Amino acid sequence: MLKNYLKKKIKFNENIKTGEDADLFSQIRKKGDKTYFDKNCKVKHDDRKDFLSFMKHHLQWGRHQYHNLFNINNKFINLLFLILFPLIYPALVLLQTFFVIKKWYLKNILYIFLFPLFFFVFSIKSIATYYEGFKDFFK
């Protein structure tokens, strides 16, 4: 499988501070390959150790999340993003929060009390995304 990715010029971008996994999967999907989740895969992932580092990570990730996801790399698309994103932003934040909390809520109903915290985090991430789009447009 690795040889197939190398042949298709799909590679892990080590120059991205955060979101490199999303970038890799985006490359794979663009080449028409399928991905899947392997629950037996062993991966070491260092999570953030405190709330401040967690928020910093989300701000960094949020700054390029939609640019990676939607491959926003020209002025016209970026302008559309700047115009339309504020309109869909509340629904997007609500959906993100719902889908994250849903899995936890099903395990323990008390996790529903984390909804405001996650709503806040996703709001900050989305604002960071909008800020990045704004900066990119005026480069």
C-alpha atoms as a PDB file:
ATOM      1  CA  MET A   1       0.000   0.000   0.000  1.00  0.00           C
ATOM      2  CA  LEU A   2       2.830   2.434   0.841  1.00  0.00           C
ATOM      3  CA  LYS A   3       4.402   1.873  -2.594  1.00  0.00           C
ATOM      4  CA  ASN A   4       1.034   2.706  -4.173  1.00  0.00           C
ATOM      5  CA  TYR A   5       0.906   6.020  -2.270  1.00  0.00           C
ATOM      6  CA  LEU A   6       4.475   6.878  -3.205  1.00  0.00           C
ATOM      7  CA  LYS A   7       3.731   6.113  -6.856  1.00  0.00           C
ATOM      8  CA  LYS A   8       0.714   8.456  -6.707  1.00  0.00           C
ATOM      9  CA  LYS A   9       2.851  11.114  -4.977  1.00  0.00           C
ATOM     10  CA  ILE A  10       0.818  10.946  -1.776  1.00  0.00           C
ATOM     11  CA  LYS A  11       2.959  11.745   1.222  1.00  0.00           C
ATOM     12  CA  PHE A  12       2.695  12.880   4.806  1.00  0.00           C
ATOM     13  CA  ASN A  13       3.498  16.593   5.003  1.00  0.00           C
ATOM     14  CA  GLU A  14       5.772  16.983   8.019  1.00  0.00           C
ATOM     15  CA  ASN A  15       5.923  20.765   7.525  1.00  0.00           C
ATOM     16  CA  ILE A  16       2.356  21.303   8.732  1.00  0.00           C
ATOM     17  CA  LYS A  17       2.180  22.028  12.469  1.00  0.00           C
ATOM     18  CA  THR A  18      -1.301  20.605  12.901  1.00  0.00           C
ATOM     19  CA  GLY A  19      -3.797  18.933  10.588  1.00  0.00           C
ATOM     20  CA  GLU A  20      -1.196  16.855   8.784  1.00  0.00           C
ATOM     21  CA  ASP A  21      -3.349  13.739   9.115  1.00  0.00           C
ATOM     22  CA  ALA A  22      -6.333  15.534   7.552  1.00  0.00           C
ATOM     23  CA  ASP A  23      -4.067  16.696   4.731  1.00  0.00           C
ATOM     24  CA  LEU A  24      -2.863  13.126   4.117  1.00  0.00           C
ATOM     25  CA  PHE A  25      -6.409  11.752   3.954  1.00  0.00           C
ATOM     26  CA  SER A  26      -7.433  14.614   1.675  1.00  0.00           C
ATOM     27  CA  GLN A  27      -4.628  13.647  -0.735  1.00  0.00           C
ATOM     28  CA  ILE A  28      -5.706  10.000  -0.622  1.00  0.00           C
ATOM     29  CA  ARG A  29      -9.356  10.844  -1.382  1.00  0.00           C
ATOM     30  CA  LYS A  30      -8.394  13.205  -4.231  1.00  0.00           C
ATOM     31  CA  LYS A  31      -6.521  10.348  -5.881  1.00  0.00           C
ATOM     32  CA  GLY A  32      -9.672   8.218  -5.702  1.00  0.00           C
ATOM     33  CA  ASP A  33      -8.451   5.837  -3.005  1.00  0.00           C
ATOM     34  CA  LYS A  34     -10.614   4.779  -0.096  1.00  0.00           C
ATOM     35  CA  THR A  35      -9.710   5.033   3.582  1.00  0.00           C
ATOM     36  CA  TYR A  36     -10.997   3.093   6.548  1.00  0.00           C
ATOM     37  CA  PHE A  37     -10.744   3.045  10.313  1.00  0.00           C
ATOM     38  CA  ASP A  38      -8.829   0.148  11.840  1.00  0.00           C
ATOM     39  CA  LYS A  39      -9.703  -0.117  15.534  1.00  0.00           C
ATOM     40  CA  ASN A  40      -6.737  -2.469  16.089  1.00  0.00           C
ATOM     41  CA  CYS A  41      -4.164  -0.033  14.737  1.00  0.00           C
ATOM     42  CA  LYS A  42      -1.643   1.017  17.396  1.00  0.00           C
ATOM     43  CA  VAL A  43      -0.839   4.726  17.296  1.00  0.00           C
ATOM     44  CA  LYS A  44       0.869   6.858  19.924  1.00  0.00           C
ATOM     45  CA  HIS A  45      -0.751  10.270  20.062  1.00  0.00           C
ATOM     46  CA  ASP A  46       0.374  12.866  22.570  1.00  0.00           C
ATOM     47  CA  ASP A  47      -2.712  14.791  23.562  1.00  0.00           C
ATOM     48  CA  ARG A  48      -2.583  18.253  25.003  1.00  0.00           C
ATOM     49  CA  LYS A  49      -1.746  18.169  28.707  1.00  0.00           C
ATOM     50  CA  ASP A  50      -3.820  21.148  29.879  1.00  0.00           C
ATOM     51  CA  PHE A  51      -6.673  23.391  28.747  1.00  0.00           C
ATOM     52  CA  LEU A  52      -4.395  26.181  27.488  1.00  0.00           C
ATOM     53  CA  SER A  53      -2.409  23.845  25.211  1.00  0.00           C
ATOM     54  CA  PHE A  54      -5.708  22.272  24.084  1.00  0.00           C
ATOM     55  CA  MET A  55      -7.099  25.704  23.105  1.00  0.00           C
ATOM     56  CA  LYS A  56      -3.839  26.710  21.398  1.00  0.00           C
ATOM     57  CA  HIS A  57      -3.991  23.524  19.318  1.00  0.00           C
ATOM     58  CA  HIS A  58      -7.587  24.237  18.302  1.00  0.00           C
ATOM     59  CA  LEU A  59      -6.707  27.780  17.290  1.00  0.00           C
ATOM     60  CA  GLN A  60      -3.810  26.533  15.150  1.00  0.00           C
ATOM     61  CA  TRP A  61      -5.916  23.739  13.669  1.00  0.00           C
ATOM     62  CA  GLY A  62      -8.882  26.018  13.139  1.00  0.00           C
ATOM     63  CA  ARG A  63      -6.762  28.483  11.203  1.00  0.00           C
ATOM     64  CA  HIS A  64      -6.423  26.082   8.313  1.00  0.00           C
ATOM     65  CA  GLN A  65      -9.122  23.450   8.895  1.00  0.00           C
ATOM     66  CA  TYR A  66     -11.531  24.534   6.172  1.00  0.00           C
ATOM     67  CA  HIS A  67      -8.774  25.624   3.831  1.00  0.00           C
ATOM     68  CA  ASN A  68      -7.457  22.052   3.889  1.00  0.00           C
ATOM     69  CA  LEU A  69     -10.904  20.490   3.819  1.00  0.00           C
ATOM     70  CA  PHE A  70     -12.256  22.530   0.900  1.00  0.00           C
ATOM     71  CA  ASN A  71      -8.887  23.206  -0.795  1.00  0.00           C
ATOM     72  CA  ILE A  72      -9.420  26.977  -0.769  1.00  0.00           C
ATOM     73  CA  ASN A  73      -6.518  28.336  -2.759  1.00  0.00           C
ATOM     74  CA  ASN A  74      -7.817  31.027  -5.095  1.00  0.00           C
ATOM     75  CA  LYS A  75      -9.163  34.544  -4.527  1.00  0.00           C
ATOM     76  CA  PHE A  76     -12.688  33.920  -5.828  1.00  0.00           C
ATOM     77  CA  ILE A  77     -13.274  30.826  -3.675  1.00  0.00           C
ATOM     78  CA  ASN A  78     -11.748  32.625  -0.708  1.00  0.00           C
ATOM     79  CA  LEU A  79     -14.098  35.587  -1.283  1.00  0.00           C
ATOM     80  CA  LEU A  80     -17.086  33.213  -1.373  1.00  0.00           C
ATOM     81  CA  PHE A  81     -15.809  31.658   1.838  1.00  0.00           C
ATOM     82  CA  LEU A  82     -15.581  35.093   3.490  1.00  0.00           C
ATOM     83  CA  ILE A  83     -19.120  35.977   2.420  1.00  0.00           C
ATOM     84  CA  LEU A  84     -20.832  32.654   3.134  1.00  0.00           C
ATOM     85  CA  PHE A  85     -18.987  31.366   6.194  1.00  0.00           C
ATOM     86  CA  PRO A  86     -20.587  33.829   8.668  1.00  0.00           C
ATOM     87  CA  LEU A  87     -23.992  32.606   7.482  1.00  0.00           C
ATOM     88  CA  ILE A  88     -23.258  28.910   8.058  1.00  0.00           C
ATOM     89  CA  TYR A  89     -20.934  29.352  11.033  1.00  0.00           C
ATOM     90  CA  PRO A  90     -23.586  28.969  13.796  1.00  0.00           C
ATOM     91  CA  ALA A  91     -25.026  25.785  12.271  1.00  0.00           C
ATOM     92  CA  LEU A  92     -21.545  24.393  11.644  1.00  0.00           C
ATOM     93  CA  VAL A  93     -20.471  24.979  15.250  1.00  0.00           C
ATOM     94  CA  LEU A  94     -23.690  23.466  16.543  1.00  0.00           C
ATOM     95  CA  LEU A  95     -23.268  20.358  14.359  1.00  0.00           C
ATOM     96  CA  GLN A  96     -19.618  19.897  15.317  1.00  0.00           C
ATOM     97  CA  THR A  97     -20.505  20.169  18.990  1.00  0.00           C
ATOM     98  CA  PHE A  98     -23.433  17.779  18.637  1.00  0.00           C
ATOM     99  CA  PHE A  99     -21.410  15.060  16.878  1.00  0.00           C
ATOM    100  CA  VAL A 100     -18.578  15.219  19.414  1.00  0.00           C
ATOM    101  CA  ILE A 101     -20.862  15.194  22.449  1.00  0.00           C
ATOM    102  CA  LYS A 102     -23.178  12.521  20.998  1.00  0.00           C
ATOM    103  CA  LYS A 103     -20.649   9.693  21.394  1.00  0.00           C
ATOM    104  CA  TRP A 104     -19.856  10.716  24.957  1.00  0.00           C
ATOM    105  CA  TYR A 105     -23.493  11.348  25.846  1.00  0.00           C
ATOM    106  CA  LEU A 106     -24.380   7.789  24.833  1.00  0.00           C
ATOM    107  CA  LYS A 107     -21.875   6.475  27.400  1.00  0.00           C
ATOM    108  CA  ASN A 108     -22.939   8.793  30.232  1.00  0.00           C
ATOM    109  CA  ILE A 109     -25.739  11.351  30.159  1.00  0.00           C
ATOM    110  CA  LEU A 110     -23.716  13.720  32.388  1.00  0.00           C
ATOM    111  CA  TYR A 111     -21.440  14.505  29.437  1.00  0.00           C
ATOM    112  CA  ILE A 112     -24.250  16.700  28.117  1.00  0.00           C
ATOM    113  CA  PHE A 113     -22.958  19.362  30.530  1.00  0.00           C
ATOM    114  CA  LEU A 114     -19.814  19.635  28.390  1.00  0.00           C
ATOM    115  CA  PHE A 115     -21.895  20.943  25.486  1.00  0.00           C
ATOM    116  CA  PRO A 116     -21.243  24.647  26.284  1.00  0.00           C
ATOM    117  CA  LEU A 117     -17.498  24.040  26.603  1.00  0.00           C
ATOM    118  CA  PHE A 118     -17.269  22.265  23.251  1.00  0.00           C
ATOM    119  CA  PHE A 119     -19.522  24.861  21.646  1.00  0.00           C
ATOM    120  CA  PHE A 120     -17.087  27.512  22.873  1.00  0.00           C
ATOM    121  CA  VAL A 121     -14.039  25.598  21.576  1.00  0.00           C
ATOM    122  CA  PHE A 122     -15.572  25.041  18.128  1.00  0.00           C
ATOM    123  CA  SER A 123     -16.658  28.689  18.005  1.00  0.00           C
ATOM    124  CA  ILE A 124     -13.102  29.848  18.687  1.00  0.00           C
ATOM    125  CA  LYS A 125     -11.767  27.418  16.080  1.00  0.00           C
ATOM    126  CA  SER A 126     -14.244  28.699  13.497  1.00  0.00           C
ATOM    127  CA  ILE A 127     -13.371  32.326  14.238  1.00  0.00           C
ATOM    128  CA  ALA A 128      -9.693  31.440  13.770  1.00  0.00           C
ATOM    129  CA  THR A 129     -10.594  29.846  10.435  1.00  0.00           C
ATOM    130  CA  TYR A 130     -12.406  32.978   9.317  1.00  0.00           C
ATOM    131  CA  TYR A 131      -9.473  35.136  10.396  1.00  0.00           C
ATOM    132  CA  GLU A 132      -7.091  32.983   8.344  1.00  0.00           C
ATOM    133  CA  GLY A 133      -9.362  33.244   5.295  1.00  0.00           C
ATOM    134  CA  PHE A 134      -9.482  37.022   5.744  1.00  0.00           C
ATOM    135  CA  LYS A 135      -5.664  37.231   5.956  1.00  0.00           C
ATOM    136  CA  ASP A 136      -5.253  34.969   2.903  1.00  0.00           C
ATOM    137  CA  PHE A 137      -7.621  37.086   0.842  1.00  0.00           C
ATOM    138  CA  PHE A 138      -5.626  40.281   1.419  1.00  0.00           C
ATOM    139  CA  LYS A 139      -2.172  38.785   0.806  1.00  0.00           C
END
